[in-house]
PDB file of N, CA and C in Angstrom:
ATOM      1  N   LEU A   1      44.527  81.258 222.878  1.00  0.00           N
ATOM      2  CA  LEU A   1      45.961  80.451 222.445  1.00  0.00           C
ATOM      3  C   LEU A   1      46.084  79.501 223.018  1.00  0.00           C
ATOM      4  N   ASP A   2      45.358  78.166 223.203  1.00  0.00           N
ATOM      5  CA  ASP A   2      45.704  77.331 224.160  1.00  0.00           C
ATOM      6  C   ASP A   2      46.808  76.267 223.651  1.00  0.00           C
ATOM      7  N   HIS A   3      47.097  76.301 222.355  1.00  0.00           N
ATOM      8  CA  HIS A   3      48.059  75.251 222.136  1.00  0.00           C
ATOM      9  C   HIS A   3      49.478  75.291 222.772  1.00  0.00           C
ATOM     10  N   PRO A   4      50.237  74.594 223.016  1.00  0.00           N
ATOM     11  CA  PRO A   4      51.247  74.525 223.835  1.00  0.00           C
ATOM     12  C   PRO A   4      52.651  75.393 222.944  1.00  0.00           C
ATOM     13  N   VAL A   5      52.535  75.267 221.911  1.00  0.00           N
ATOM     14  CA  VAL A   5      53.479  76.120 220.882  1.00  0.00           C
ATOM     15  C   VAL A   5      53.421  77.608 221.355  1.00  0.00           C
ATOM     16  N   PHE A   6      52.405  78.174 221.787  1.00  0.00           N
ATOM     17  CA  PHE A   6      52.171  79.508 222.390  1.00  0.00           C
ATOM     18  C   PHE A   6      52.594  79.667 223.479  1.00  0.00           C
ATOM     19  N   ASN A   7      53.115  78.944 224.502  1.00  0.00           N
ATOM     20  CA  ASN A   7      53.780  79.338 225.630  1.00  0.00           C
ATOM     21  C   ASN A   7      55.060  77.842 226.128  1.00  0.00           C
ATOM     22  N   THR A   8      55.594  77.677 224.993  1.00  0.00           N
ATOM     23  CA  THR A   8      56.415  76.814 225.015  1.00  0.00           C
ATOM     24  C   THR A   8      57.740  77.272 225.938  1.00  0.00           C
ATOM     25  N   PHE A   9      58.196  78.671 225.442  1.00  0.00           N
ATOM     26  CA  PHE A   9      59.055  79.478 226.117  1.00  0.00           C
ATOM     27  C   PHE A   9      58.788  80.685 226.497  1.00  0.00           C
ATOM     28  N   TYR A  10      58.196  81.318 225.199  1.00  0.00           N
ATOM     29  CA  TYR A  10      57.474  82.663 225.713  1.00  0.00           C
ATOM     30  C   TYR A  10      56.049  82.565 225.561  1.00  0.00           C
ATOM     31  N   GLU A  11      55.566  83.398 226.661  1.00  0.00           N
ATOM     32  CA  GLU A  11      53.966  83.360 226.507  1.00  0.00           C
ATOM     33  C   GLU A  11      53.368  84.444 225.642  1.00  0.00           C
ATOM     34  N   ILE A  12      52.630  83.719 224.469  1.00  0.00           N
ATOM     35  CA  ILE A  12      52.043  84.514 223.545  1.00  0.00           C
ATOM     36  C   ILE A  12      50.502  84.798 223.663  1.00  0.00           C
ATOM     37  N   ASP A  13      50.312  85.876 224.148  1.00  0.00           N
ATOM     38  CA  ASP A  13      48.617  85.830 224.565  1.00  0.00           C
ATOM     39  C   ASP A  13      47.979  86.460 223.359  1.00  0.00           C
ATOM     40  N   GLU A  14      48.647  86.875 222.308  1.00  0.00           N
ATOM     41  CA  GLU A  14      47.870  87.455 221.069  1.00  0.00           C
ATOM     42  C   GLU A  14      48.774  87.445 219.721  1.00  0.00           C
ATOM     43  N   ILE A  15      48.070  87.319 218.571  1.00  0.00           N
ATOM     44  CA  ILE A  15      48.674  87.511 217.367  1.00  0.00           C
ATOM     45  C   ILE A  15      48.746  88.780 216.592  1.00  0.00           C
ATOM     46  N   LEU A  16      49.888  89.143 216.769  1.00  0.00           N
ATOM     47  CA  LEU A  16      49.871  90.517 215.944  1.00  0.00           C
ATOM     48  C   LEU A  16      49.888  90.488 214.450  1.00  0.00           C
ATOM     49  N   GLN A  17      49.219  91.399 213.995  1.00  0.00           N
ATOM     50  CA  GLN A  17      49.551  91.537 212.368  1.00  0.00           C
ATOM     51  C   GLN A  17      50.717  92.386 212.283  1.00  0.00           C
ATOM     52  N   VAL A  18      51.596  91.614 211.584  1.00  0.00           N
ATOM     53  CA  VAL A  18      53.170  91.841 211.286  1.00  0.00           C
ATOM     54  C   VAL A  18      53.041  92.441 210.094  1.00  0.00           C
ATOM     55  N   PRO A  19      53.092  93.497 209.531  1.00  0.00           N
ATOM     56  CA  PRO A  19      53.205  94.047 208.066  1.00  0.00           C
ATOM     57  C   PRO A  19      54.169  93.935 207.590  1.00  0.00           C
ATOM     58  N   ALA A  20      54.305  93.904 206.084  1.00  0.00           N
ATOM     59  CA  ALA A  20      55.668  93.865 205.506  1.00  0.00           C
ATOM     60  C   ALA A  20      56.301  95.152 205.462  1.00  0.00           C
ATOM     61  N   TYR A  21      57.685  95.118 205.492  1.00  0.00           N
ATOM     62  CA  TYR A  21      58.347  96.147 205.817  1.00  0.00           C
ATOM     63  C   TYR A  21      57.926  97.539 205.392  1.00  0.00           C
ATOM     64  N   GLY A  22      57.658  97.310 203.984  1.00  0.00           N
ATOM     65  CA  GLY A  22      56.948  98.432 203.246  1.00  0.00           C
ATOM     66  C   GLY A  22      55.776  99.068 203.611  1.00  0.00           C
ATOM     67  N   ARG A  23      54.991  98.464 204.630  1.00  0.00           N
ATOM     68  CA  ARG A  23      53.505  98.833 204.736  1.00  0.00           C
ATOM     69  C   ARG A  23      53.346  99.069 206.409  1.00  0.00           C
ATOM     70  N   PHE A  24      54.556  98.951 206.861  1.00  0.00           N
ATOM     71  CA  PHE A  24      54.174  99.203 208.712  1.00  0.00           C
ATOM     72  C   PHE A  24      53.622 100.460 208.940  1.00  0.00           C
ATOM     73  N   TRP A  25      54.150 101.501 208.195  1.00  0.00           N
ATOM     74  CA  TRP A  25      54.012 102.842 208.639  1.00  0.00           C
ATOM     75  C   TRP A  25      52.546 103.331 208.131  1.00  0.00           C
ATOM     76  N   GLY A  26      51.873 102.753 207.313  1.00  0.00           N
ATOM     77  CA  GLY A  26      50.330 102.824 206.822  1.00  0.00           C
ATOM     78  C   GLY A  26      50.255 102.149 205.630  1.00  0.00           C
ATOM     79  N   GLY A  27      48.736 102.336 205.107  1.00  0.00           N
ATOM     80  CA  GLY A  27      48.368 101.782 204.170  1.00  0.00           C
ATOM     81  C   GLY A  27      47.789  99.964 204.355  1.00  0.00           C
ATOM     82  N   ALA A  28      47.384  99.428 203.416  1.00  0.00           N
ATOM     83  CA  ALA A  28      46.930  97.867 203.777  1.00  0.00           C
ATOM     84  C   ALA A  28      48.030  97.141 204.336  1.00  0.00           C
ATOM     85  N   THR A  29      47.758  96.656 205.316  1.00  0.00           N
ATOM     86  CA  THR A  29      48.640  95.534 206.053  1.00  0.00           C
ATOM     87  C   THR A  29      48.100  94.329 206.087  1.00  0.00           C
ATOM     88  N   TRP A  30      47.168  94.048 205.111  1.00  0.00           N
ATOM     89  CA  TRP A  30      46.513  92.956 205.211  1.00  0.00           C
ATOM     90  C   TRP A  30      46.520  92.286 203.733  1.00  0.00           C
ATOM     91  N   GLU A  31      46.052  90.958 203.927  1.00  0.00           N
ATOM     92  CA  GLU A  31      46.191  90.103 202.684  1.00  0.00           C
ATOM     93  C   GLU A  31      44.454  90.204 202.215  1.00  0.00           C
ATOM     94  N   ARG A  32      44.318  89.918 200.482  1.00  0.00           N
ATOM     95  CA  ARG A  32      43.156  90.530 200.210  1.00  0.00           C
ATOM     96  C   ARG A  32      41.872  89.485 200.924  1.00  0.00           C
ATOM     97  N   ASP A  33      42.220  88.489 201.370  1.00  0.00           N
ATOM     98  CA  ASP A  33      41.303  87.454 201.806  1.00  0.00           C
ATOM     99  C   ASP A  33      40.951  87.639 203.368  1.00  0.00           C
ATOM    100  N   GLY A  34      41.334  88.934 203.959  1.00  0.00           N
ATOM    101  CA  GLY A  34      41.032  89.092 205.096  1.00  0.00           C
ATOM    102  C   GLY A  34      41.876  90.097 206.067  1.00  0.00           C
ATOM    103  N   TYR A  35      41.297  90.335 206.999  1.00  0.00           N
ATOM    104  CA  TYR A  35      41.992  91.373 207.884  1.00  0.00           C
ATOM    105  C   TYR A  35      42.557  90.832 208.939  1.00  0.00           C
ATOM    106  N   VAL A  36      42.168  89.710 209.568  1.00  0.00           N
ATOM    107  CA  VAL A  36      42.781  88.973 210.679  1.00  0.00           C
ATOM    108  C   VAL A  36      43.965  88.160 210.745  1.00  0.00           C
ATOM    109  N   PRO A  37      44.887  88.502 211.353  1.00  0.00           N
ATOM    110  CA  PRO A  37      45.929  87.328 211.564  1.00  0.00           C
ATOM    111  C   PRO A  37      45.579  86.194 212.523  1.00  0.00           C
ATOM    112  N   TYR A  38      46.297  85.162 211.839  1.00  0.00           N
ATOM    113  CA  TYR A  38      46.035  83.951 212.711  1.00  0.00           C
ATOM    114  C   TYR A  38      47.189  82.666 212.645  1.00  0.00           C
ATOM    115  N   VAL A  39      47.446  81.869 213.328  1.00  0.00           N
ATOM    116  CA  VAL A  39      48.246  80.752 213.071  1.00  0.00           C
ATOM    117  C   VAL A  39      47.584  79.744 213.334  1.00  0.00           C
ATOM    118  N   LYS A  40      47.620  78.804 212.379  1.00  0.00           N
ATOM    119  CA  LYS A  40      46.942  77.130 212.353  1.00  0.00           C
ATOM    120  C   LYS A  40      48.016  76.347 212.230  1.00  0.00           C
ATOM    121  N   GLY A  41      47.539  75.162 212.332  1.00  0.00           N
ATOM    122  CA  GLY A  41      48.625  74.045 212.252  1.00  0.00           C
ATOM    123  C   GLY A  41      47.904  72.981 211.652  1.00  0.00           C
ATOM    124  N   ILE A  42      48.519  71.874 211.313  1.00  0.00           N
ATOM    125  CA  ILE A  42      48.265  70.924 210.684  1.00  0.00           C
ATOM    126  C   ILE A  42      48.820  69.571 211.347  1.00  0.00           C
ATOM    127  N   GLU A  43      47.970  68.627 212.008  1.00  0.00           N
ATOM    128  CA  GLU A  43      48.585  67.714 212.670  1.00  0.00           C
ATOM    129  C   GLU A  43      48.632  66.379 211.871  1.00  0.00           C
ATOM    130  N   ASP A  44      49.372  65.508 212.280  1.00  0.00           N
ATOM    131  CA  ASP A  44      49.462  64.092 211.847  1.00  0.00           C
ATOM    132  C   ASP A  44      48.268  63.210 212.498  1.00  0.00           C
ATOM    133  N   ASP A  45      48.186  62.175 212.067  1.00  0.00           N
ATOM    134  CA  ASP A  45      47.001  61.049 212.538  1.00  0.00           C
ATOM    135  C   ASP A  45      47.231  61.000 214.113  1.00  0.00           C
ATOM    136  N   ASP A  46      48.409  61.257 214.818  1.00  0.00           N
ATOM    137  CA  ASP A  46      48.690  61.053 216.246  1.00  0.00           C
ATOM    138  C   ASP A  46      48.560  62.509 217.005  1.00  0.00           C
ATOM    139  N   GLY A  47      47.762  63.319 216.522  1.00  0.00           N
ATOM    140  CA  GLY A  47      48.153  64.739 216.989  1.00  0.00           C
ATOM    141  C   GLY A  47      49.155  65.530 217.297  1.00  0.00           C
ATOM    142  N   ARG A  48      50.054  65.058 216.387  1.00  0.00           N
ATOM    143  CA  ARG A  48      51.618  66.057 216.418  1.00  0.00           C
ATOM    144  C   ARG A  48      51.437  66.909 215.558  1.00  0.00           C
ATOM    145  N   LEU A  49      51.980  68.203 216.011  1.00  0.00           N
ATOM    146  CA  LEU A  49      51.831  69.296 214.999  1.00  0.00           C
ATOM    147  C   LEU A  49      53.252  69.075 213.809  1.00  0.00           C
ATOM    148  N   MET A  50      52.802  69.333 212.785  1.00  0.00           N
ATOM    149  CA  MET A  50      53.564  69.046 211.551  1.00  0.00           C
ATOM    150  C   MET A  50      53.813  70.423 211.126  1.00  0.00           C
ATOM    151  N   VAL A  51      53.010  71.192 210.457  1.00  0.00           N
ATOM    152  CA  VAL A  51      52.926  72.308 209.926  1.00  0.00           C
ATOM    153  C   VAL A  51      52.309  73.276 210.915  1.00  0.00           C
ATOM    154  N   ILE A  52      53.102  74.485 210.703  1.00  0.00           N
ATOM    155  CA  ILE A  52      52.558  75.764 211.262  1.00  0.00           C
ATOM    156  C   ILE A  52      52.271  76.886 210.168  1.00  0.00           C
ATOM    157  N   ILE A  53      51.176  77.324 210.181  1.00  0.00           N
ATOM    158  CA  ILE A  53      50.943  78.486 209.137  1.00  0.00           C
ATOM    159  C   ILE A  53      50.446  79.718 209.747  1.00  0.00           C
ATOM    160  N   ASN A  54      51.294  80.750 209.428  1.00  0.00           N
ATOM    161  CA  ASN A  54      50.915  82.193 209.888  1.00  0.00           C
ATOM    162  C   ASN A  54      50.165  83.025 208.653  1.00  0.00           C
ATOM    163  N   TRP A  55      49.089  83.422 208.913  1.00  0.00           N
ATOM    164  CA  TRP A  55      48.366  83.990 207.636  1.00  0.00           C
ATOM    165  C   TRP A  55      48.133  85.517 208.446  1.00  0.00           C
ATOM    166  N   ASN A  56      48.407  86.756 207.460  1.00  0.00           N
ATOM    167  CA  ASN A  56      48.329  88.042 207.607  1.00  0.00           C
ATOM    168  C   ASN A  56      49.129  88.393 209.030  1.00  0.00           C
ATOM    169  N   THR A  57      50.384  87.756 208.988  1.00  0.00           N
ATOM    170  CA  THR A  57      51.353  88.199 209.955  1.00  0.00           C
ATOM    171  C   THR A  57      52.607  87.499 209.541  1.00  0.00           C
ATOM    172  N   ASP A  58      53.564  88.620 209.104  1.00  0.00           N
ATOM    173  CA  ASP A  58      54.813  88.164 208.055  1.00  0.00           C
ATOM    174  C   ASP A  58      55.853  88.383 209.220  1.00  0.00           C
ATOM    175  N   LEU A  59      56.025  87.238 209.557  1.00  0.00           N
ATOM    176  CA  LEU A  59      57.049  86.812 210.725  1.00  0.00           C
ATOM    177  C   LEU A  59      58.462  86.981 209.935  1.00  0.00           C
ATOM    178  N   GLY A  60      58.604  86.714 208.840  1.00  0.00           N
ATOM    179  CA  GLY A  60      59.927  86.690 207.904  1.00  0.00           C
ATOM    180  C   GLY A  60      60.356  88.060 207.867  1.00  0.00           C
ATOM    181  N   ASP A  61      59.356  88.963 207.387  1.00  0.00           N
ATOM    182  CA  ASP A  61      59.957  90.590 207.496  1.00  0.00           C
ATOM    183  C   ASP A  61      60.271  91.117 208.939  1.00  0.00           C
ATOM    184  N   ALA A  62      59.606  90.569 209.965  1.00  0.00           N
ATOM    185  CA  ALA A  62      60.117  91.342 211.019  1.00  0.00           C
ATOM    186  C   ALA A  62      61.476  90.498 211.527  1.00  0.00           C
ATOM    187  N   TRP A  63      61.818  89.524 211.008  1.00  0.00           N
ATOM    188  CA  TRP A  63      63.162  88.667 211.344  1.00  0.00           C
ATOM    189  C   TRP A  63      64.164  89.496 210.573  1.00  0.00           C
ATOM    190  N   GLU A  64      63.690  89.623 209.139  1.00  0.00           N
ATOM    191  CA  GLU A  64      64.759  90.143 208.390  1.00  0.00           C
ATOM    192  C   GLU A  64      65.074  91.672 208.640  1.00  0.00           C
ATOM    193  N   TRP A  65      64.228  92.516 209.136  1.00  0.00           N
ATOM    194  CA  TRP A  65      64.398  93.922 209.338  1.00  0.00           C
ATOM    195  C   TRP A  65      64.292  94.300 210.870  1.00  0.00           C
ATOM    196  N   ALA A  66      64.460  93.462 211.588  1.00  0.00           N
ATOM    197  CA  ALA A  66      64.756  93.862 213.143  1.00  0.00           C
ATOM    198  C   ALA A  66      65.757  94.368 213.413  1.00  0.00           C
ATOM    199  N   GLU A  67      66.626  94.513 212.637  1.00  0.00           N
ATOM    200  CA  GLU A  67      68.094  95.577 213.188  1.00  0.00           C
ATOM    201  C   GLU A  67      68.026  97.023 212.464  1.00  0.00           C
ATOM    202  N   GLN A  68      66.824  97.249 211.703  1.00  0.00           N
ATOM    203  CA  GLN A  68      66.613  98.579 211.405  1.00  0.00           C
ATOM    204  C   GLN A  68      66.103  99.625 212.215  1.00  0.00           C
ATOM    205  N   PRO A  69      66.513 100.695 212.433  1.00  0.00           N
ATOM    206  CA  PRO A  69      66.354 101.430 213.523  1.00  0.00           C
ATOM    207  C   PRO A  69      64.732 102.214 213.393  1.00  0.00           C
ATOM    208  N   ASP A  70      64.131 101.912 212.354  1.00  0.00           N
ATOM    209  CA  ASP A  70      62.804 102.505 212.095  1.00  0.00           C
ATOM    210  C   ASP A  70      61.868 101.504 212.041  1.00  0.00           C
ATOM    211  N   TYR A  71      62.368 100.145 212.217  1.00  0.00           N
ATOM    212  CA  TYR A  71      61.281  98.968 212.146  1.00  0.00           C
ATOM    213  C   TYR A  71      60.932  99.184 213.680  1.00  0.00           C
ATOM    214  N   PRO A  72      59.339  98.889 213.619  1.00  0.00           N
ATOM    215  CA  PRO A  72      58.897  98.810 215.035  1.00  0.00           C
ATOM    216  C   PRO A  72      59.058  97.632 215.841  1.00  0.00           C
ATOM    217  N   LEU A  73      59.588  98.057 217.168  1.00  0.00           N
ATOM    218  CA  LEU A  73      60.143  96.824 218.143  1.00  0.00           C
ATOM    219  C   LEU A  73      58.948  95.712 218.375  1.00  0.00           C
ATOM    220  N   GLN A  74      57.805  96.345 218.509  1.00  0.00           N
ATOM    221  CA  GLN A  74      56.782  95.215 218.950  1.00  0.00           C
ATOM    222  C   GLN A  74      56.611  94.352 217.931  1.00  0.00           C
ATOM    223  N   TYR A  75      56.990  94.380 216.582  1.00  0.00           N
ATOM    224  CA  TYR A  75      56.497  93.457 215.458  1.00  0.00           C
ATOM    225  C   TYR A  75      57.874  92.301 215.763  1.00  0.00           C
ATOM    226  N   SER A  76      59.061  92.946 215.683  1.00  0.00           N
ATOM    227  CA  SER A  76      60.197  91.979 215.814  1.00  0.00           C
ATOM    228  C   SER A  76      60.389  91.171 217.032  1.00  0.00           C
ATOM    229  N   THR A  77      59.851  91.788 218.143  1.00  0.00           N
ATOM    230  CA  THR A  77      59.763  91.275 219.493  1.00  0.00           C
ATOM    231  C   THR A  77      58.998  89.995 219.190  1.00  0.00           C
ATOM    232  N   PHE A  78      57.762  90.305 218.939  1.00  0.00           N
ATOM    233  CA  PHE A  78      56.626  89.229 218.780  1.00  0.00           C
ATOM    234  C   PHE A  78      57.244  88.323 217.621  1.00  0.00           C
ATOM    235  N   ALA A  79      57.928  88.449 216.448  1.00  0.00           N
ATOM    236  CA  ALA A  79      58.314  87.622 215.571  1.00  0.00           C
ATOM    237  C   ALA A  79      59.287  86.723 216.151  1.00  0.00           C
ATOM    238  N   PHE A  80      60.321  87.440 216.904  1.00  0.00           N
ATOM    239  CA  PHE A  80      61.513  86.508 217.454  1.00  0.00           C
ATOM    240  C   PHE A  80      60.801  85.361 218.307  1.00  0.00           C
ATOM    241  N   GLN A  81      59.902  85.997 219.235  1.00  0.00           N
ATOM    242  CA  GLN A  81      59.152  85.296 220.453  1.00  0.00           C
ATOM    243  C   GLN A  81      58.636  84.183 219.818  1.00  0.00           C
ATOM    244  N   MET A  82      57.731  84.183 218.663  1.00  0.00           N
ATOM    245  CA  MET A  82      56.980  83.258 218.098  1.00  0.00           C
ATOM    246  C   MET A  82      58.022  82.311 217.519  1.00  0.00           C
ATOM    247  N   GLY A  83      59.026  82.797 216.751  1.00  0.00           N
ATOM    248  CA  GLY A  83      59.956  81.812 216.551  1.00  0.00           C
ATOM    249  C   GLY A  83      60.588  81.020 217.176  1.00  0.00           C
ATOM    250  N   VAL A  84      61.125  81.285 218.229  1.00  0.00           N
ATOM    251  CA  VAL A  84      61.612  80.630 219.531  1.00  0.00           C
ATOM    252  C   VAL A  84      60.739  79.529 220.033  1.00  0.00           C
ATOM    253  N   ASN A  85      59.491  79.884 219.967  1.00  0.00           N
ATOM    254  CA  ASN A  85      58.425  78.885 220.453  1.00  0.00           C
ATOM    255  C   ASN A  85      58.395  78.107 219.491  1.00  0.00           C
ATOM    256  N   MET A  86      58.359  78.214 218.140  1.00  0.00           N
ATOM    257  CA  MET A  86      58.117  77.198 217.354  1.00  0.00           C
ATOM    258  C   MET A  86      59.315  76.238 217.341  1.00  0.00           C
ATOM    259  N   ILE A  87      60.586  76.826 217.339  1.00  0.00           N
ATOM    260  CA  ILE A  87      61.670  75.849 217.386  1.00  0.00           C
ATOM    261  C   ILE A  87      61.742  74.943 218.761  1.00  0.00           C
ATOM    262  N   VAL A  88      61.545  75.613 220.085  1.00  0.00           N
ATOM    263  CA  VAL A  88      61.747  74.885 221.132  1.00  0.00           C
ATOM    264  C   VAL A  88      60.659  73.866 220.843  1.00  0.00           C
ATOM    265  N   TYR A  89      59.570  74.030 220.530  1.00  0.00           N
ATOM    266  CA  TYR A  89      58.281  73.187 220.439  1.00  0.00           C
ATOM    267  C   TYR A  89      58.662  72.191 219.727  1.00  0.00           C
ATOM    268  N   ALA A  90      59.224  72.372 218.179  1.00  0.00           N
ATOM    269  CA  ALA A  90      59.724  71.426 217.472  1.00  0.00           C
ATOM    270  C   ALA A  90      60.629  70.476 218.108  1.00  0.00           C
ATOM    271  N   MET A  91      61.669  71.088 218.877  1.00  0.00           N
ATOM    272  CA  MET A  91      62.847  70.291 219.296  1.00  0.00           C
ATOM    273  C   MET A  91      62.301  69.309 220.480  1.00  0.00           C
ATOM    274  N   SER A  92      61.345  69.797 221.227  1.00  0.00           N
ATOM    275  CA  SER A  92      60.755  69.060 222.541  1.00  0.00           C
ATOM    276  C   SER A  92      59.683  68.202 222.484  1.00  0.00           C
ATOM    277  N   HIS A  93      58.954  68.086 221.316  1.00  0.00           N
ATOM    278  CA  HIS A  93      58.025  66.976 220.876  1.00  0.00           C
ATOM    279  C   HIS A  93      57.941  66.100 219.774  1.00  0.00           C
TER     280      HIS A  93
END
């Protein structure tokens, strides 16, 4: 994870597969097209990151359900750290 967005504020060493709220306790936690979570970006002609794509990692659910006592802390922590990094990166580049 060598792009600056992964260490702008928090050091992100691994992309976690954050399952949807209804799936975190078991069952299929991935999309039909693959099991591996990843983050990709689309850059403009000058190399500036314009779009961030999260695949097989449901950051939105982790943000939405973070206050639920039964929601796993590791998922909400990762999602908030990734979100803060994206915002700080966008505001500083």
